[in-house]
Each structure stands twice: as C-alpha cells, then as structure tokens.
Amino acid sequence: MSWIEQYRAMARYNRWMNDKIFDVVGKLDDVERKRDRGAFFRSIHGTLNHILLADRTWMGRFTGDVARFTSRDASGKAVEITSLAQELYADFADLTRERAGTDADILAWIHKIDELALSSDLTFKMRNGAVLTYPLWGLVGHFFNHQTHHRGQVTTLLTQMGIDPGVTDLFAMLRDEASAA
C-alpha cells in the first residue's frame, strides 16, 4: 500500500469517526457537553473545537489557502485564533456543520494530491513566528494522528460518563466498507 492510499483511508476514517462521535455527543445537553472534565481542552465540546481548529490550521498550510480554512463567526467575520483551546463554535449545531464541511474538504484534498506531492517538503509558519520545514508525508501523518489522539480523549470522557462510543477501530471501518462494496 502506498502512502497516499494509507492517507486516503485515514481521511475516510476521520470522517467515519467524526460522524460517530458527533452523533453520540449530540445526544448530550450543552451543560454535559461543556462540563470541565479535566481534559487538555477541559470539556468534550472544547476538545472537539480544538480538533477542528487544528485541522483547519493544517489544511490552510497543506493547501496554501489559509482564507478558505479560516473560521468565521455568524456575521462572516474571520475569527482571530489566539489559543489552541479557543472555542470556534459555542453552538453544537454550528460545530457539527463546520466539522462535516471540513471533513469533506479533507477528503477532497487528499484525493487531489499524489505520491510526488507527499515526498516534497512543506515550509510553514507557526503562530509563534517560527518557520519550519518538514516532509509533507510526515506532516500529513501527524495531522491524522492528532485527530485520533484527541478523539481518543473524547471517547475516554464519554466512557467515564457511562456512555459507549461504539467501535472505534480502523479495521471496523474497513470491514464496513468491504461489506458495502
């Protein structure tokens, strides 16, 4: 299997898991969703916001289209990012809609790139001004790993609440895809 095939599978997994998690989390009321549970980003809602913020930051870097991946408020004004814990969307319906749109963008982008692109370097600027250069394949790997890491925190929080988030294994998605084919 090539890198690109692996990353396309990870993009599908990202959407599959986000659909599952958002379905489960959507059944919680706002108080439970936003309750500080001692996680890195305090709450389930805060963690889901962080994943979206990071995904949009990386997609802006990957595509070179920072404006497209800039979060906007209800009036359309760009949201200035000041913290990785910043809440982009207080309303869960807005967060859900924006998550689904970003997942579609990730899938579209990963199907546009090829192995040659993955073997190139990407130079980008961090929020602190540092300019870094890394191989794109490694950054894309980090991107998908980051999502999985923080979704794992969400599933832990759900489990601690007595809520079963369901099967989260990549092979379960692959099995579902094979059954549907």
N, C-alpha and C. Protein backbone atom coordinates (compact mmCIF):
# COMPACT_ATOMS: atom_id res chain seq x y z
N MET A 1 0.84 -1.18 0.00
CA MET A 1 0.00 0.00 0.00
C MET A 1 0.89 1.24 0.00
N SER A 2 0.50 2.23 -0.76
CA SER A 2 1.27 3.47 -0.85
C SER A 2 0.86 4.42 0.28
N TRP A 3 1.69 5.45 0.48
CA TRP A 3 1.36 6.49 1.45
C TRP A 3 0.00 7.09 1.13
N ILE A 4 -0.22 7.41 -0.13
CA ILE A 4 -1.45 8.11 -0.49
C ILE A 4 -2.67 7.24 -0.21
N GLU A 5 -2.56 5.94 -0.47
CA GLU A 5 -3.68 5.04 -0.16
C GLU A 5 -3.93 5.01 1.35
N GLN A 6 -2.85 4.96 2.12
CA GLN A 6 -2.98 4.97 3.58
C GLN A 6 -3.66 6.25 4.05
N TYR A 7 -3.24 7.39 3.52
CA TYR A 7 -3.80 8.65 3.97
C TYR A 7 -5.23 8.84 3.49
N ARG A 8 -5.57 8.30 2.35
CA ARG A 8 -6.97 8.35 1.91
C ARG A 8 -7.84 7.51 2.84
N ALA A 9 -7.32 6.38 3.28
CA ALA A 9 -8.06 5.56 4.25
C ALA A 9 -8.21 6.33 5.57
N MET A 10 -7.17 7.03 5.97
CA MET A 10 -7.23 7.79 7.22
C MET A 10 -8.23 8.95 7.10
N ALA A 11 -8.33 9.56 5.93
CA ALA A 11 -9.31 10.63 5.73
C ALA A 11 -10.73 10.08 5.83
N ARG A 12 -10.94 8.90 5.28
CA ARG A 12 -12.26 8.26 5.40
C ARG A 12 -12.54 7.91 6.86
N TYR A 13 -11.51 7.39 7.54
CA TYR A 13 -11.65 7.05 8.95
C TYR A 13 -11.98 8.29 9.78
N ASN A 14 -11.31 9.39 9.48
CA ASN A 14 -11.57 10.65 10.17
C ASN A 14 -13.05 11.02 10.06
N ARG A 15 -13.58 10.98 8.86
CA ARG A 15 -15.00 11.32 8.67
C ARG A 15 -15.90 10.31 9.38
N TRP A 16 -15.58 9.02 9.23
CA TRP A 16 -16.38 7.95 9.84
C TRP A 16 -16.45 8.13 11.35
N MET A 17 -15.29 8.37 11.97
CA MET A 17 -15.25 8.54 13.42
C MET A 17 -15.92 9.84 13.85
N ASN A 18 -15.70 10.92 13.12
CA ASN A 18 -16.35 12.17 13.50
C ASN A 18 -17.87 12.03 13.42
N ASP A 19 -18.36 11.36 12.39
CA ASP A 19 -19.81 11.14 12.29
C ASP A 19 -20.32 10.38 13.52
N LYS A 20 -19.58 9.33 13.92
CA LYS A 20 -19.98 8.53 15.08
C LYS A 20 -19.93 9.35 16.37
N ILE A 21 -18.82 10.04 16.57
CA ILE A 21 -18.64 10.80 17.81
C ILE A 21 -19.67 11.93 17.90
N PHE A 22 -19.85 12.66 16.81
CA PHE A 22 -20.79 13.77 16.85
C PHE A 22 -22.23 13.28 17.05
N ASP A 23 -22.54 12.10 16.55
CA ASP A 23 -23.86 11.52 16.78
C ASP A 23 -24.06 11.23 18.27
N VAL A 24 -23.08 10.61 18.89
CA VAL A 24 -23.17 10.29 20.33
C VAL A 24 -23.18 11.57 21.16
N VAL A 25 -22.25 12.47 20.89
CA VAL A 25 -22.13 13.70 21.67
C VAL A 25 -23.36 14.60 21.47
N GLY A 26 -23.96 14.53 20.30
CA GLY A 26 -25.15 15.33 20.02
C GLY A 26 -26.34 14.98 20.89
N LYS A 27 -26.29 13.83 21.54
CA LYS A 27 -27.39 13.41 22.43
C LYS A 27 -27.22 13.98 23.85
N LEU A 28 -26.07 14.56 24.11
CA LEU A 28 -25.83 15.20 25.41
C LEU A 28 -26.40 16.62 25.39
N ASP A 29 -26.78 17.12 26.56
CA ASP A 29 -27.18 18.53 26.59
C ASP A 29 -25.92 19.39 26.66
N ASP A 30 -26.10 20.68 26.44
CA ASP A 30 -24.97 21.60 26.39
C ASP A 30 -24.16 21.60 27.69
N VAL A 31 -24.84 21.50 28.81
CA VAL A 31 -24.15 21.53 30.10
C VAL A 31 -23.20 20.34 30.21
N GLU A 32 -23.66 19.15 29.85
CA GLU A 32 -22.81 17.96 29.92
C GLU A 32 -21.68 18.02 28.89
N ARG A 33 -22.00 18.49 27.70
CA ARG A 33 -21.01 18.57 26.63
C ARG A 33 -19.89 19.55 26.98
N LYS A 34 -20.25 20.60 27.70
CA LYS A 34 -19.28 21.67 28.01
C LYS A 34 -18.72 21.59 29.43
N ARG A 35 -19.11 20.58 30.17
CA ARG A 35 -18.63 20.44 31.56
C ARG A 35 -17.11 20.21 31.56
N ASP A 36 -16.41 20.95 32.42
CA ASP A 36 -14.96 20.77 32.56
C ASP A 36 -14.72 19.41 33.19
N ARG A 37 -14.07 18.53 32.46
CA ARG A 37 -13.81 17.17 32.92
C ARG A 37 -12.31 16.92 33.14
N GLY A 38 -11.54 18.01 33.18
CA GLY A 38 -10.12 17.87 33.46
C GLY A 38 -9.29 17.42 32.26
N ALA A 39 -9.86 17.48 31.08
CA ALA A 39 -9.13 17.10 29.86
C ALA A 39 -8.24 18.26 29.41
N PHE A 40 -7.33 17.99 28.47
CA PHE A 40 -6.44 19.04 27.94
C PHE A 40 -7.23 20.29 27.56
N PHE A 41 -8.35 20.07 26.89
CA PHE A 41 -9.18 21.19 26.42
C PHE A 41 -10.48 21.24 27.21
N ARG A 42 -10.37 20.86 28.47
CA ARG A 42 -11.41 20.93 29.51
C ARG A 42 -12.59 19.99 29.26
N SER A 43 -13.34 20.22 28.21
CA SER A 43 -14.61 19.52 28.02
C SER A 43 -14.62 18.73 26.71
N ILE A 44 -15.68 17.98 26.53
CA ILE A 44 -15.88 17.29 25.25
C ILE A 44 -16.00 18.32 24.14
N HIS A 45 -16.82 19.35 24.37
CA HIS A 45 -17.02 20.40 23.38
C HIS A 45 -15.70 21.11 23.07
N GLY A 46 -14.94 21.42 24.13
CA GLY A 46 -13.65 22.08 23.94
C GLY A 46 -12.68 21.24 23.14
N THR A 47 -12.68 19.94 23.38
CA THR A 47 -11.78 19.04 22.64
C THR A 47 -12.19 18.96 21.18
N LEU A 48 -13.48 18.86 20.91
CA LEU A 48 -13.94 18.81 19.52
C LEU A 48 -13.64 20.12 18.79
N ASN A 49 -13.77 21.25 19.49
CA ASN A 49 -13.40 22.53 18.91
C ASN A 49 -11.91 22.56 18.58
N HIS A 50 -11.08 22.05 19.50
CA HIS A 50 -9.64 22.04 19.27
C HIS A 50 -9.28 21.22 18.03
N ILE A 51 -9.88 20.07 17.88
CA ILE A 51 -9.58 19.23 16.72
C ILE A 51 -9.92 19.99 15.44
N LEU A 52 -11.07 20.64 15.41
CA LEU A 52 -11.46 21.41 14.22
C LEU A 52 -10.48 22.56 13.98
N LEU A 53 -10.12 23.28 15.03
CA LEU A 53 -9.17 24.39 14.89
C LEU A 53 -7.85 23.90 14.30
N ALA A 54 -7.33 22.81 14.84
CA ALA A 54 -6.06 22.27 14.34
C ALA A 54 -6.19 21.77 12.91
N ASP A 55 -7.28 21.08 12.61
CA ASP A 55 -7.48 20.59 11.24
C ASP A 55 -7.51 21.74 10.24
N ARG A 56 -8.19 22.81 10.59
CA ARG A 56 -8.26 23.95 9.67
C ARG A 56 -6.90 24.64 9.54
N THR A 57 -6.17 24.72 10.61
CA THR A 57 -4.82 25.29 10.54
C THR A 57 -3.96 24.48 9.58
N TRP A 58 -3.96 23.15 9.75
CA TRP A 58 -3.16 22.30 8.88
C TRP A 58 -3.65 22.33 7.44
N MET A 59 -4.95 22.33 7.23
CA MET A 59 -5.46 22.36 5.86
C MET A 59 -5.08 23.66 5.16
N GLY A 60 -5.06 24.76 5.89
CA GLY A 60 -4.59 26.02 5.32
C GLY A 60 -3.13 25.92 4.89
N ARG A 61 -2.33 25.26 5.70
CA ARG A 61 -0.92 25.06 5.36
C ARG A 61 -0.77 24.11 4.19
N PHE A 62 -1.48 22.99 4.24
CA PHE A 62 -1.35 21.98 3.18
C PHE A 62 -1.78 22.52 1.82
N THR A 63 -2.87 23.26 1.80
CA THR A 63 -3.43 23.72 0.52
C THR A 63 -2.88 25.08 0.10
N GLY A 64 -2.31 25.82 1.03
CA GLY A 64 -1.87 27.17 0.74
C GLY A 64 -3.03 28.16 0.71
N ASP A 65 -4.23 27.70 1.04
CA ASP A 65 -5.44 28.53 1.00
C ASP A 65 -5.91 28.79 2.43
N VAL A 66 -5.16 29.63 3.13
CA VAL A 66 -5.46 29.91 4.53
C VAL A 66 -6.84 30.54 4.67
N ALA A 67 -7.22 31.41 3.73
CA ALA A 67 -8.52 32.08 3.81
C ALA A 67 -9.67 31.08 3.81
N ARG A 68 -9.56 30.05 2.99
CA ARG A 68 -10.63 29.05 2.91
C ARG A 68 -10.83 28.33 4.24
N PHE A 69 -9.77 28.14 4.97
CA PHE A 69 -9.85 27.38 6.22
C PHE A 69 -9.83 28.27 7.46
N THR A 70 -10.12 29.55 7.26
CA THR A 70 -10.26 30.48 8.38
C THR A 70 -11.67 30.34 8.94
N SER A 71 -11.78 30.13 10.23
CA SER A 71 -13.10 30.05 10.85
C SER A 71 -13.73 31.43 10.86
N ARG A 72 -15.04 31.46 10.71
CA ARG A 72 -15.77 32.73 10.65
C ARG A 72 -16.94 32.70 11.63
N ASP A 73 -17.24 33.87 12.17
CA ASP A 73 -18.38 33.95 13.08
C ASP A 73 -19.68 34.04 12.28
N ALA A 74 -20.80 34.20 12.97
CA ALA A 74 -22.11 34.20 12.31
C ALA A 74 -22.25 35.33 11.29
N SER A 75 -21.53 36.43 11.48
CA SER A 75 -21.60 37.55 10.54
C SER A 75 -20.64 37.39 9.36
N GLY A 76 -19.82 36.33 9.40
CA GLY A 76 -18.87 36.09 8.32
C GLY A 76 -17.49 36.65 8.59
N LYS A 77 -17.33 37.30 9.73
CA LYS A 77 -16.03 37.89 10.09
C LYS A 77 -15.06 36.79 10.51
N ALA A 78 -13.82 36.91 10.05
CA ALA A 78 -12.78 35.94 10.40
C ALA A 78 -12.55 35.95 11.91
N VAL A 79 -12.43 34.75 12.47
CA VAL A 79 -12.14 34.60 13.90
C VAL A 79 -10.63 34.59 14.06
N GLU A 80 -10.11 35.53 14.86
CA GLU A 80 -8.68 35.57 15.12
C GLU A 80 -8.34 34.48 16.14
N ILE A 81 -7.43 33.60 15.77
CA ILE A 81 -7.05 32.50 16.66
C ILE A 81 -5.96 33.00 17.61
N THR A 82 -6.24 32.91 18.90
CA THR A 82 -5.28 33.35 19.91
C THR A 82 -4.81 32.21 20.80
N SER A 83 -5.47 31.06 20.70
CA SER A 83 -5.14 29.93 21.56
C SER A 83 -5.60 28.64 20.91
N LEU A 84 -4.86 27.57 21.14
CA LEU A 84 -5.28 26.26 20.64
C LEU A 84 -6.49 25.73 21.39
N ALA A 85 -6.83 26.37 22.50
CA ALA A 85 -8.02 25.99 23.27
C ALA A 85 -9.21 26.88 22.96
N GLN A 86 -9.05 27.75 21.98
CA GLN A 86 -10.10 28.71 21.65
C GLN A 86 -11.36 28.02 21.15
N GLU A 87 -12.50 28.50 21.63
CA GLU A 87 -13.77 27.95 21.17
C GLU A 87 -14.15 28.64 19.86
N LEU A 88 -14.21 27.87 18.79
CA LEU A 88 -14.61 28.41 17.49
C LEU A 88 -16.12 28.55 17.41
N TYR A 89 -16.82 27.54 17.89
CA TYR A 89 -18.28 27.50 17.78
C TYR A 89 -18.87 27.05 19.10
N ALA A 90 -19.58 27.96 19.77
CA ALA A 90 -20.22 27.63 21.04
C ALA A 90 -21.45 26.76 20.82
N ASP A 91 -22.11 26.96 19.70
CA ASP A 91 -23.31 26.19 19.38
C ASP A 91 -22.93 24.85 18.76
N PHE A 92 -23.44 23.76 19.33
CA PHE A 92 -23.06 22.43 18.84
C PHE A 92 -23.52 22.18 17.41
N ALA A 93 -24.66 22.72 17.02
CA ALA A 93 -25.13 22.55 15.64
C ALA A 93 -24.15 23.21 14.67
N ASP A 94 -23.64 24.39 15.03
CA ASP A 94 -22.64 25.06 14.19
C ASP A 94 -21.35 24.25 14.14
N LEU A 95 -20.91 23.76 15.29
CA LEU A 95 -19.69 22.95 15.33
C LEU A 95 -19.84 21.70 14.48
N THR A 96 -20.99 21.06 14.56
CA THR A 96 -21.26 19.85 13.78
C THR A 96 -21.23 20.14 12.29
N ARG A 97 -21.89 21.22 11.88
CA ARG A 97 -21.92 21.61 10.47
C ARG A 97 -20.51 21.92 9.95
N GLU A 98 -19.76 22.68 10.73
CA GLU A 98 -18.41 23.06 10.31
C GLU A 98 -17.47 21.85 10.28
N ARG A 99 -17.65 20.93 11.22
CA ARG A 99 -16.85 19.70 11.23
C ARG A 99 -17.12 18.89 9.96
N ALA A 100 -18.38 18.73 9.60
CA ALA A 100 -18.73 17.96 8.41
C ALA A 100 -18.16 18.62 7.15
N GLY A 101 -18.22 19.93 7.08
CA GLY A 101 -17.66 20.63 5.92
C GLY A 101 -16.16 20.47 5.82
N THR A 102 -15.48 20.56 6.95
CA THR A 102 -14.02 20.39 6.96
C THR A 102 -13.65 18.96 6.60
N ASP A 103 -14.41 17.99 7.09
CA ASP A 103 -14.14 16.59 6.73
C ASP A 103 -14.28 16.38 5.22
N ALA A 104 -15.27 17.01 4.61
CA ALA A 104 -15.43 16.92 3.15
C ALA A 104 -14.24 17.56 2.45
N ASP A 105 -13.77 18.69 2.96
CA ASP A 105 -12.59 19.35 2.39
C ASP A 105 -11.34 18.47 2.50
N ILE A 106 -11.18 17.81 3.63
CA ILE A 106 -10.03 16.92 3.83
C ILE A 106 -10.07 15.79 2.80
N LEU A 107 -11.22 15.18 2.64
CA LEU A 107 -11.35 14.09 1.67
C LEU A 107 -11.08 14.57 0.25
N ALA A 108 -11.61 15.73 -0.11
CA ALA A 108 -11.37 16.27 -1.45
C ALA A 108 -9.89 16.54 -1.67
N TRP A 109 -9.22 17.14 -0.68
CA TRP A 109 -7.80 17.47 -0.82
C TRP A 109 -6.96 16.21 -0.95
N ILE A 110 -7.21 15.23 -0.10
CA ILE A 110 -6.36 14.03 -0.10
C ILE A 110 -6.50 13.27 -1.42
N HIS A 111 -7.61 13.46 -2.12
CA HIS A 111 -7.78 12.81 -3.42
C HIS A 111 -7.16 13.62 -4.56
N LYS A 112 -6.75 14.84 -4.28
CA LYS A 112 -6.09 15.68 -5.30
C LYS A 112 -4.58 15.53 -5.30
N ILE A 113 -4.01 15.13 -4.16
CA ILE A 113 -2.55 15.04 -4.11
C ILE A 113 -2.09 13.64 -4.51
N ASP A 114 -0.79 13.52 -4.75
CA ASP A 114 -0.24 12.23 -5.17
C ASP A 114 1.04 11.94 -4.39
N GLU A 115 1.65 10.81 -4.71
CA GLU A 115 2.87 10.39 -4.00
C GLU A 115 3.99 11.42 -4.16
N LEU A 116 4.09 12.02 -5.34
CA LEU A 116 5.13 13.01 -5.56
C LEU A 116 4.95 14.20 -4.61
N ALA A 117 3.73 14.66 -4.47
CA ALA A 117 3.46 15.76 -3.55
C ALA A 117 3.83 15.37 -2.12
N LEU A 118 3.47 14.15 -1.73
CA LEU A 118 3.78 13.69 -0.37
C LEU A 118 5.28 13.61 -0.11
N SER A 119 6.07 13.42 -1.15
CA SER A 119 7.52 13.31 -0.97
C SER A 119 8.20 14.68 -0.92
N SER A 120 7.44 15.75 -1.15
CA SER A 120 8.03 17.09 -1.11
C SER A 120 8.04 17.63 0.32
N ASP A 121 8.77 18.72 0.51
CA ASP A 121 8.81 19.38 1.81
C ASP A 121 7.76 20.49 1.85
N LEU A 122 7.28 20.77 3.04
CA LEU A 122 6.36 21.88 3.25
C LEU A 122 6.99 22.81 4.28
N THR A 123 7.08 24.08 3.92
CA THR A 123 7.57 25.11 4.83
C THR A 123 6.36 25.91 5.30
N PHE A 124 6.26 26.12 6.60
CA PHE A 124 5.11 26.83 7.15
C PHE A 124 5.55 27.62 8.37
N LYS A 125 4.69 28.55 8.75
CA LYS A 125 4.97 29.42 9.89
C LYS A 125 4.05 29.03 11.05
N MET A 126 4.66 28.88 12.21
CA MET A 126 3.91 28.60 13.44
C MET A 126 3.34 29.91 13.98
N ARG A 127 2.40 29.81 14.89
CA ARG A 127 1.80 31.01 15.49
C ARG A 127 2.83 31.86 16.23
N ASN A 128 3.89 31.23 16.72
CA ASN A 128 4.93 31.98 17.45
C ASN A 128 5.95 32.61 16.51
N GLY A 129 5.74 32.46 15.19
CA GLY A 129 6.62 33.07 14.20
C GLY A 129 7.70 32.15 13.67
N ALA A 130 7.93 31.02 14.31
CA ALA A 130 8.96 30.08 13.84
C ALA A 130 8.58 29.54 12.47
N VAL A 131 9.57 29.47 11.59
CA VAL A 131 9.37 28.91 10.26
C VAL A 131 9.99 27.52 10.25
N LEU A 132 9.19 26.53 9.89
CA LEU A 132 9.61 25.13 9.93
C LEU A 132 9.44 24.49 8.56
N THR A 133 10.28 23.50 8.28
CA THR A 133 10.17 22.73 7.05
C THR A 133 10.25 21.25 7.39
N TYR A 134 9.26 20.50 6.91
CA TYR A 134 9.21 19.05 7.13
C TYR A 134 8.68 18.38 5.87
N PRO A 135 8.97 17.09 5.72
CA PRO A 135 8.38 16.35 4.60
C PRO A 135 6.85 16.31 4.75
N LEU A 136 6.15 16.53 3.65
CA LEU A 136 4.69 16.55 3.70
C LEU A 136 4.13 15.24 4.22
N TRP A 137 4.73 14.10 3.83
CA TRP A 137 4.19 12.82 4.29
C TRP A 137 4.17 12.74 5.82
N GLY A 138 5.19 13.30 6.46
CA GLY A 138 5.25 13.28 7.92
C GLY A 138 4.22 14.21 8.55
N LEU A 139 4.02 15.36 7.93
CA LEU A 139 3.04 16.31 8.46
C LEU A 139 1.61 15.78 8.30
N VAL A 140 1.34 15.12 7.18
CA VAL A 140 0.01 14.53 6.98
C VAL A 140 -0.20 13.40 7.99
N GLY A 141 0.84 12.63 8.24
CA GLY A 141 0.75 11.59 9.27
C GLY A 141 0.45 12.20 10.63
N HIS A 142 1.13 13.29 10.96
CA HIS A 142 0.87 14.00 12.23
C HIS A 142 -0.57 14.48 12.29
N PHE A 143 -1.05 15.04 11.20
CA PHE A 143 -2.42 15.56 11.09
C PHE A 143 -3.44 14.49 11.47
N PHE A 144 -3.32 13.32 10.87
CA PHE A 144 -4.28 12.25 11.17
C PHE A 144 -4.05 11.67 12.57
N ASN A 145 -2.82 11.58 13.00
CA ASN A 145 -2.53 11.09 14.35
C ASN A 145 -3.11 12.03 15.41
N HIS A 146 -2.99 13.33 15.17
CA HIS A 146 -3.51 14.33 16.10
C HIS A 146 -5.02 14.17 16.28
N GLN A 147 -5.73 13.97 15.17
CA GLN A 147 -7.18 13.77 15.25
C GLN A 147 -7.51 12.56 16.11
N THR A 148 -6.83 11.46 15.82
CA THR A 148 -7.09 10.21 16.54
C THR A 148 -6.78 10.36 18.03
N HIS A 149 -5.68 11.02 18.33
CA HIS A 149 -5.28 11.24 19.73
C HIS A 149 -6.40 11.95 20.51
N HIS A 150 -6.87 13.06 19.98
CA HIS A 150 -7.87 13.84 20.71
C HIS A 150 -9.26 13.20 20.66
N ARG A 151 -9.60 12.50 19.58
CA ARG A 151 -10.87 11.77 19.59
C ARG A 151 -10.83 10.67 20.65
N GLY A 152 -9.65 10.09 20.87
CA GLY A 152 -9.49 9.11 21.94
C GLY A 152 -9.77 9.72 23.30
N GLN A 153 -9.38 10.98 23.48
CA GLN A 153 -9.70 11.66 24.73
C GLN A 153 -11.21 11.82 24.89
N VAL A 154 -11.88 12.15 23.78
CA VAL A 154 -13.34 12.30 23.83
C VAL A 154 -14.00 10.96 24.17
N THR A 155 -13.53 9.88 23.55
CA THR A 155 -14.14 8.58 23.85
C THR A 155 -13.88 8.17 25.30
N THR A 156 -12.73 8.56 25.84
CA THR A 156 -12.47 8.29 27.26
C THR A 156 -13.44 9.07 28.14
N LEU A 157 -13.65 10.34 27.84
CA LEU A 157 -14.60 11.14 28.62
C LEU A 157 -16.00 10.56 28.54
N LEU A 158 -16.40 10.13 27.35
CA LEU A 158 -17.72 9.51 27.20
C LEU A 158 -17.82 8.24 28.03
N THR A 159 -16.79 7.41 27.96
CA THR A 159 -16.78 6.16 28.72
C THR A 159 -16.86 6.44 30.22
N GLN A 160 -16.15 7.46 30.68
CA GLN A 160 -16.20 7.83 32.10
C GLN A 160 -17.60 8.28 32.51
N MET A 161 -18.38 8.76 31.54
CA MET A 161 -19.77 9.18 31.81
C MET A 161 -20.73 7.99 31.71
N GLY A 162 -20.20 6.81 31.38
CA GLY A 162 -21.05 5.64 31.22
C GLY A 162 -21.67 5.52 29.84
N ILE A 163 -21.13 6.25 28.87
CA ILE A 163 -21.65 6.24 27.50
C ILE A 163 -20.70 5.46 26.61
N ASP A 164 -21.22 4.49 25.91
CA ASP A 164 -20.42 3.67 24.99
C ASP A 164 -20.33 4.38 23.65
N PRO A 165 -19.13 4.81 23.25
CA PRO A 165 -19.00 5.50 21.96
C PRO A 165 -19.03 4.55 20.77
N GLY A 166 -19.08 3.26 21.02
CA GLY A 166 -19.10 2.29 19.93
C GLY A 166 -17.68 1.91 19.51
N VAL A 167 -17.61 1.08 18.51
CA VAL A 167 -16.33 0.59 17.99
C VAL A 167 -15.60 1.74 17.32
N THR A 168 -14.31 1.88 17.65
CA THR A 168 -13.51 2.98 17.09
C THR A 168 -12.33 2.48 16.25
N ASP A 169 -12.27 1.19 16.02
CA ASP A 169 -11.12 0.61 15.32
C ASP A 169 -11.17 0.87 13.81
N LEU A 170 -10.02 1.23 13.27
CA LEU A 170 -9.90 1.44 11.83
C LEU A 170 -10.37 0.22 11.05
N PHE A 171 -10.02 -0.97 11.52
CA PHE A 171 -10.40 -2.17 10.77
C PHE A 171 -11.92 -2.34 10.71
N ALA A 172 -12.64 -1.79 11.69
CA ALA A 172 -14.11 -1.86 11.66
C ALA A 172 -14.65 -1.03 10.50
N MET A 173 -14.05 0.14 10.26
CA MET A 173 -14.45 0.95 9.12
C MET A 173 -14.14 0.21 7.83
N LEU A 174 -12.95 -0.39 7.75
CA LEU A 174 -12.57 -1.12 6.54
C LEU A 174 -13.52 -2.29 6.31
N ARG A 175 -13.90 -2.96 7.38
CA ARG A 175 -14.87 -4.06 7.28
C ARG A 175 -16.21 -3.55 6.76
N ASP A 176 -16.67 -2.43 7.30
CA ASP A 176 -17.93 -1.84 6.86
C ASP A 176 -17.87 -1.46 5.38
N GLU A 177 -16.74 -0.89 4.96
CA GLU A 177 -16.58 -0.53 3.54
C GLU A 177 -16.62 -1.77 2.66
N ALA A 178 -15.93 -2.84 3.09
CA ALA A 178 -15.90 -4.07 2.30
C ALA A 178 -17.29 -4.69 2.21
N SER A 179 -18.06 -4.63 3.29
CA SER A 179 -19.41 -5.18 3.29
C SER A 179 -20.34 -4.40 2.37
N ALA A 180 -20.11 -3.09 2.27
CA ALA A 180 -20.96 -2.24 1.44
C ALA A 180 -20.62 -2.34 -0.04
N ALA A 181 -19.43 -2.84 -0.35
CA ALA A 181 -18.98 -2.90 -1.75
C ALA A 181 -19.64 -4.02 -2.53
